[in-house]
Protein backbone atom coordinates (compact mmCIF):
# COMPACT_ATOMS: atom_id res chain seq x y z
CA MET A 1 -11.85 6.49 -11.82
CA THR A 2 -11.55 6.93 -8.05
CA VAL A 3 -9.51 4.44 -6.06
CA GLU A 4 -10.44 4.07 -2.40
CA VAL A 5 -7.87 2.58 -0.02
CA HIS A 6 -8.74 1.06 3.36
CA ASP A 7 -6.71 -0.80 5.95
CA GLN A 8 -8.07 -4.24 6.79
CA PRO A 9 -5.95 -5.08 9.86
CA GLU A 10 -7.71 -8.38 10.53
CA ARG A 11 -6.61 -9.49 7.03
CA HIS A 12 -3.16 -7.84 7.31
CA ARG A 13 -3.59 -5.80 4.16
CA TYR A 14 -4.63 -2.53 2.63
CA GLU A 15 -7.36 -2.98 0.05
CA ALA A 16 -8.10 -0.87 -3.01
CA SER A 17 -11.56 -0.62 -4.50
CA VAL A 18 -12.87 1.09 -7.60
CA ASP A 19 -16.58 1.92 -7.65
CA GLY A 20 -17.10 -0.54 -4.80
CA GLU A 21 -15.33 -3.39 -6.60
CA HIS A 22 -12.22 -5.00 -5.08
CA ALA A 23 -9.25 -3.96 -7.23
CA GLY A 24 -6.15 -5.00 -5.31
CA ALA A 25 -4.33 -5.41 -2.02
CA ALA A 26 -1.01 -4.65 -0.35
CA TYR A 27 -0.17 -7.27 2.28
CA TYR A 28 1.83 -6.52 5.40
CA LEU A 29 3.07 -7.86 8.72
CA HIS A 30 2.69 -5.54 11.72
CA ALA A 31 5.23 -5.64 14.54
CA ASP A 32 5.74 -2.85 17.05
CA ASP A 33 5.57 0.39 15.04
CA VAL A 34 6.61 -1.11 11.67
CA LEU A 35 4.53 -2.44 8.79
CA THR A 36 6.55 -4.82 6.62
CA PHE A 37 4.99 -4.82 3.16
CA THR A 38 5.41 -8.29 1.67
CA HIS A 39 3.32 -8.38 -1.51
CA THR A 40 1.12 -6.14 -3.65
CA GLU A 41 -1.34 -7.37 -6.22
CA VAL A 42 -3.82 -5.71 -8.56
CA ASP A 43 -6.69 -7.64 -10.14
CA ASP A 44 -6.25 -8.22 -13.87
CA ALA A 45 -9.23 -6.01 -14.75
CA PHE A 46 -7.45 -3.00 -13.21
CA GLU A 47 -3.87 -3.58 -14.42
CA GLY A 48 -2.16 -0.57 -15.97
CA GLN A 49 -4.69 1.94 -14.63
CA GLY A 50 -2.70 3.30 -11.68
CA VAL A 51 -4.51 1.25 -9.06
CA GLY A 52 -1.28 -0.18 -7.62
CA SER A 53 0.26 3.26 -7.24
CA ALA A 54 -2.91 4.66 -5.66
CA LEU A 55 -3.04 1.67 -3.32
CA VAL A 56 0.55 2.03 -2.12
CA GLY A 57 0.31 5.83 -1.91
CA GLY A 58 -2.85 5.57 0.17
CA ALA A 59 -1.28 2.95 2.42
CA LEU A 60 1.82 5.09 2.98
CA ASP A 61 -0.32 8.13 3.75
CA ASP A 62 -2.12 6.06 6.39
CA VAL A 63 1.19 4.80 7.79
CA ARG A 64 2.36 8.41 8.18
CA ARG A 65 -0.92 9.47 9.78
CA ARG A 66 -0.61 6.65 12.32
CA GLY A 67 3.03 7.47 13.15
CA LEU A 68 4.32 4.12 11.91
CA LYS A 69 7.31 3.12 9.76
CA VAL A 70 7.60 0.75 6.79
CA HIS A 71 9.94 -2.04 5.82
CA PRO A 72 9.43 -2.50 2.06
CA LEU A 73 10.13 -6.16 1.22
CA CYS A 74 7.64 -6.02 -1.66
CA PRO A 75 9.38 -5.03 -4.93
CA PHE A 76 6.43 -2.87 -6.00
CA VAL A 77 6.46 -0.90 -2.74
CA ARG A 78 10.26 -0.50 -2.97
CA ALA A 79 9.95 0.82 -6.54
CA TYR A 80 7.17 3.22 -5.49
CA LEU A 81 9.34 4.56 -2.67
CA THR A 82 12.21 5.11 -5.12
CA ARG A 83 9.92 7.16 -7.38
CA HIS A 84 8.41 9.08 -4.43
CA PRO A 85 11.18 10.35 -2.14
CA GLU A 86 8.63 12.29 -0.09
CA TYR A 87 7.99 9.01 1.75
CA ALA A 88 11.67 8.27 2.50
CA ASP A 89 11.25 9.30 6.14
CA LEU A 90 8.89 6.34 6.67
CA VAL A 91 11.45 3.67 5.76
CA VAL A 92 13.29 1.87 8.56
């Protein structure tokens, strides 16, 4: 299973898809150079398959590439950051 992650700035979210099917989203607010992640959801059909982790990891990789920072209000994003200290430099 390959999870693709794409930013959808007009919808204020990163979206995950699996084989072209929408699988989840990580919602954010963008102000200055900070993305504040507010909520992450994975569709029921993809629960427990690592889609949420792939979604957040892909979003954080994009944040780094763009030179932005994150404010993790979302509990899932906070937990991911705790398990992945390699992204600690992105947190404001």
